[in-house]
Every structure is written in C-alpha cells, then in structure tokens.
C-alpha cells in the first residue's frame, strides 16, 4: 500500500506511544516505504499549570526531556542510527523500567544502541535539541491542536491513536496496523471512532 506522508508525535514516557513507535520502527526496519516524520512532543509541557514557567526554561524539572533531547539529537545529527536509538530508549523505559531522566542511564542506552554517547550528549548540551523540541511541539499544538502522544498527522488531519499491542518481531503486523491507521486518518468524513470498553 502506498501511504501519504505522515507524522507521529513521541515522548518516551508514554506506553501507548511505545506501542505505536515500536510498530513504526519494526515496519521501517523491514523496508516499509513510509514517508514518516517523527515529531517530539513534551508531555511535561502539556502538564505545566497556568502561571508556571514553560518547561523549556527549566528542563531539569521534567523527567522526560533529557531522553527526548537525546532522541532529537540522534534524529537530526545521526539519522541512520535514529531507529535503533529510538527503540532502545523506549525499551529501556517500558521493558526494563529504567529512569530516563538519569544521565548515566541515557548514556548506557545510547552506547548499547551503537552510538557515541559523548557525541550525542554534547549535542544536547548545545541547547539545540531543546529548542527544536520547543519549536516542533508548539507547531504541532498550534497547527493541529495536538495535546498528546502518539498523535498521527496526515495533511491537515490529526488524531491521537491508542494501539494495544506491540509487534513482537512481526513486521507484517506492523505494516498492517500502521497502514490501517494512516488510511483511516486520511478519510476526512470520519471524525471519531472509539471503543466503549477495552477487551479483557
């Protein structure tokens, strides 16, 4: 199936984002011809209370921004290694239960994924990844009313998506599930489709 270009938001803290992004990585590594843009979106900023300073001005107060900055640094400076790092950071958080706000943990994950952790963390220290996250987060919020992760964006259509499974090595499932989501989102007549309960 030929899909339109699409984007998907991410924050490493969300388990449902892990499900979707694990499918994305599985499909892309299997050769899926998807034109997908990975858009960082800070759940910490979403939960800033009225009157509080934006999380961009105090990134150390947020438990997710260090890993998100590392992911963006790899995406933008080492794109060929992004998928491996992206999956490794998600798995460190949701499979291994590691704390991604700890620099030593992020360093270990980066190294295990095959990148130079010192290089990536040095890029984080420049402040460029944080500025990129702010810009892309604010654009997603203003242009598509994005409020969470994972949100798929196709053209001017955007939808939060909650998948209940991960691929577990089944690339065919990943291709099928991602293509079904994007195809459904590209159908402009559908506004909302939500199950009333979760299957047991």
Protein backbone atom coordinates (compact mmCIF):
# COMPACT_ATOMS: atom_id res chain seq x y z
CA UNK A 1 0.00 0.00 0.00
CA UNK A 2 1.28 3.48 -0.89
CA UNK A 3 0.66 5.81 2.01
CA UNK A 4 0.62 9.60 2.06
CA UNK A 5 3.37 11.30 4.05
CA UNK A 6 2.53 11.32 7.74
CA UNK A 7 3.96 12.42 11.07
CA UNK A 8 3.75 10.88 14.53
CA UNK A 9 4.45 12.58 17.86
CA UNK A 10 6.50 10.98 20.61
CA UNK A 11 7.55 11.25 24.24
CA UNK A 12 9.41 8.29 25.73
CA UNK A 13 7.26 8.23 28.87
CA UNK A 14 4.01 7.13 27.24
CA UNK A 15 3.40 3.35 26.97
CA UNK A 16 0.93 3.80 24.12
CA UNK A 17 3.49 5.85 22.22
CA UNK A 18 5.89 2.94 22.78
CA UNK A 19 3.39 0.58 21.18
CA UNK A 20 2.98 2.76 18.08
CA UNK A 21 6.64 3.64 17.71
CA UNK A 22 7.71 0.02 18.13
CA UNK A 23 5.43 -0.78 15.17
CA UNK A 24 6.89 2.14 13.20
CA UNK A 25 10.46 1.00 13.83
CA UNK A 26 9.62 -2.64 13.07
CA UNK A 27 7.98 -1.72 9.77
CA UNK A 28 10.72 0.68 8.67
CA UNK A 29 13.48 -1.79 9.51
CA UNK A 30 11.56 -4.34 7.44
CA UNK A 31 11.70 -1.98 4.46
CA UNK A 32 8.29 -0.31 4.62
CA UNK A 33 8.25 2.59 2.20
CA UNK A 34 6.73 5.08 4.63
CA UNK A 35 7.43 8.81 4.48
CA UNK A 36 7.14 9.36 8.23
CA UNK A 37 8.31 12.32 10.30
CA UNK A 38 8.99 11.75 13.99
CA UNK A 39 7.83 14.80 15.95
CA UNK A 40 8.94 15.33 19.56
CA UNK A 41 6.17 16.43 21.90
CA UNK A 42 6.72 17.12 25.58
CA UNK A 43 4.14 15.72 27.98
CA UNK A 44 5.85 17.79 30.64
CA UNK A 45 4.95 21.00 28.83
CA UNK A 46 1.37 19.80 28.37
CA UNK A 47 1.04 19.49 32.15
CA UNK A 48 2.52 22.89 33.03
CA UNK A 49 -0.06 24.66 35.19
CA UNK A 50 -1.33 28.16 34.48
CA UNK A 51 1.12 30.69 35.85
CA UNK A 52 4.06 28.27 35.89
CA UNK A 53 7.11 28.79 33.69
CA UNK A 54 7.28 26.74 30.49
CA UNK A 55 9.22 23.53 30.83
CA UNK A 56 11.67 24.80 28.19
CA UNK A 57 13.01 27.28 30.72
CA UNK A 58 13.59 24.59 33.37
CA UNK A 59 14.24 21.31 31.53
CA UNK A 60 15.85 19.65 34.56
CA UNK A 61 12.46 19.76 36.31
CA UNK A 62 11.00 17.38 33.74
CA UNK A 63 11.52 13.60 33.80
CA UNK A 64 11.24 13.19 30.04
CA UNK A 65 13.21 15.97 28.41
CA UNK A 66 16.72 14.52 28.68
CA UNK A 67 15.79 11.39 26.74
CA UNK A 68 13.68 13.40 24.29
CA UNK A 69 16.63 15.72 23.65
CA UNK A 70 18.91 12.72 23.11
CA UNK A 71 16.43 11.24 20.64
CA UNK A 72 16.17 14.50 18.73
CA UNK A 73 19.96 14.90 18.72
CA UNK A 74 20.32 11.48 17.10
CA UNK A 75 17.42 12.08 14.71
CA UNK A 76 18.98 15.31 13.47
CA UNK A 77 22.72 14.53 13.55
CA UNK A 78 22.90 10.73 13.16
CA UNK A 79 19.73 9.90 11.23
CA UNK A 80 20.90 6.45 10.11
CA UNK A 81 21.09 5.43 13.78
CA UNK A 82 17.84 7.01 14.92
CA UNK A 83 15.61 3.93 14.69
CA UNK A 84 17.94 1.84 16.86
CA UNK A 85 18.26 4.58 19.47
CA UNK A 86 14.55 5.36 19.37
CA UNK A 87 13.60 1.75 20.06
CA UNK A 88 16.32 1.36 22.71
CA UNK A 89 15.15 4.41 24.67
CA UNK A 90 11.55 3.21 24.62
CA UNK A 91 12.51 -0.29 25.70
CA UNK A 92 14.76 0.99 28.46
CA UNK A 93 11.78 2.84 29.92
CA UNK A 94 8.92 0.42 29.35
CA UNK A 95 10.56 -3.01 29.26
CA UNK A 96 13.48 -2.53 31.64
CA UNK A 97 11.84 0.10 33.88
CA UNK A 98 14.83 2.42 33.75
CA UNK A 99 14.68 6.11 34.63
CA UNK A 100 15.43 8.17 31.53
CA UNK A 101 15.92 11.37 33.48
CA UNK A 102 19.23 9.94 34.73
CA UNK A 103 22.16 10.91 32.52
CA UNK A 104 24.10 7.71 33.22
CA UNK A 105 21.10 5.63 32.14
CA UNK A 106 20.66 7.59 28.92
CA UNK A 107 24.40 7.28 28.27
CA UNK A 108 24.23 3.49 28.69
CA UNK A 109 21.22 3.20 26.40
CA UNK A 110 22.87 5.30 23.69
CA UNK A 111 26.03 3.21 23.89
CA UNK A 112 24.06 -0.05 23.77
CA UNK A 113 22.30 1.21 20.64
CA UNK A 114 25.66 1.73 18.91
CA UNK A 115 26.14 5.49 19.01
CA UNK A 116 28.82 7.66 20.59
CA UNK A 117 27.06 8.75 23.78
CA UNK A 118 29.55 11.56 24.41
CA UNK A 119 28.81 13.00 20.97
CA UNK A 120 25.07 12.86 21.48
CA UNK A 121 25.15 14.33 24.98
CA UNK A 122 27.49 17.07 23.80
CA UNK A 123 24.88 17.97 21.19
CA UNK A 124 22.25 18.05 23.93
CA UNK A 125 24.44 20.46 25.89
CA UNK A 126 24.43 22.95 22.99
CA UNK A 127 20.72 23.56 23.65
CA UNK A 128 19.82 22.95 20.00
CA UNK A 129 17.74 19.80 20.61
CA UNK A 130 15.74 21.56 23.34
CA UNK A 131 14.98 24.48 21.01
CA UNK A 132 13.98 22.01 18.30
CA UNK A 133 11.61 20.21 20.68
CA UNK A 134 10.01 23.50 21.70
CA UNK A 135 9.56 24.58 18.07
CA UNK A 136 8.10 21.27 16.89
CA UNK A 137 5.91 20.86 19.98
CA UNK A 138 4.45 24.34 19.64
CA UNK A 139 3.89 23.91 15.90
CA UNK A 140 2.05 20.62 16.44
CA UNK A 141 -0.10 22.20 19.15
CA UNK A 142 -0.93 25.33 17.17
CA UNK A 143 -1.37 23.84 13.69
CA UNK A 144 -3.03 20.53 14.58
CA UNK A 145 -4.32 21.00 18.14
CA UNK A 146 -2.08 18.17 19.31
CA UNK A 147 -2.32 17.51 23.05
CA UNK A 148 -0.66 14.15 23.46
CA UNK A 149 1.29 11.20 22.13
CA UNK A 150 1.09 9.36 19.90
CA UNK A 151 -0.74 11.65 17.51
CA UNK A 152 -0.73 10.85 13.79
CA UNK A 153 -0.87 13.76 11.34
CA UNK A 154 -1.80 13.32 7.69
CA UNK A 155 -2.13 16.59 5.78
CA UNK A 156 -4.44 18.75 7.88
CA UNK A 157 -5.94 15.76 9.72
CA UNK A 158 -4.62 14.71 13.14
CA UNK A 159 -5.70 12.02 15.56
CA UNK A 160 -4.49 10.60 18.86
CA UNK A 161 -4.13 6.83 18.47
CA UNK A 162 -4.02 4.16 21.16
CA UNK A 163 -2.78 0.76 19.98
CA UNK A 164 -3.00 -2.10 22.44
CA UNK A 165 -0.17 -4.27 21.10
CA UNK A 166 3.46 -4.19 20.03
CA UNK A 167 4.88 -6.09 17.07
CA UNK A 168 6.96 -8.69 18.95
CA UNK A 169 9.01 -9.18 15.80
CA UNK A 170 6.00 -9.45 13.48
CA UNK A 171 6.80 -6.92 10.75
CA UNK A 172 3.72 -7.91 8.75
CA UNK A 173 1.53 -6.94 11.71
CA UNK A 174 3.37 -3.62 12.00
CA UNK A 175 2.86 -2.82 8.33
CA UNK A 176 -0.80 -3.75 8.52
CA UNK A 177 -1.52 -1.79 11.70
CA UNK A 178 0.31 1.40 10.72
CA UNK A 179 -1.11 1.39 7.20
CA UNK A 180 -4.63 0.87 8.56
CA UNK A 181 -4.25 3.86 10.90
CA UNK A 182 -2.91 6.19 8.22
CA UNK A 183 -5.52 5.06 5.70
CA UNK A 184 -8.31 5.66 8.22
CA UNK A 185 -6.95 9.09 9.15
CA UNK A 186 -6.83 10.13 5.52
CA UNK A 187 -10.62 9.51 5.35
CA UNK A 188 -11.93 13.03 6.12
CA UNK A 189 -15.54 12.02 6.75
CA UNK A 190 -14.62 10.10 9.91
CA UNK A 191 -14.33 12.35 12.96
CA UNK A 192 -14.33 9.96 15.89
CA UNK A 193 -14.17 6.21 16.36
CA UNK A 194 -13.65 4.90 19.90
CA UNK A 195 -14.36 1.59 21.56
CA UNK A 196 -16.54 1.90 24.63
CA UNK A 197 -14.55 -0.72 26.53
CA UNK A 198 -11.20 -2.49 26.45
CA UNK A 199 -11.31 -6.22 25.58
CA UNK A 200 -10.22 -8.36 28.53
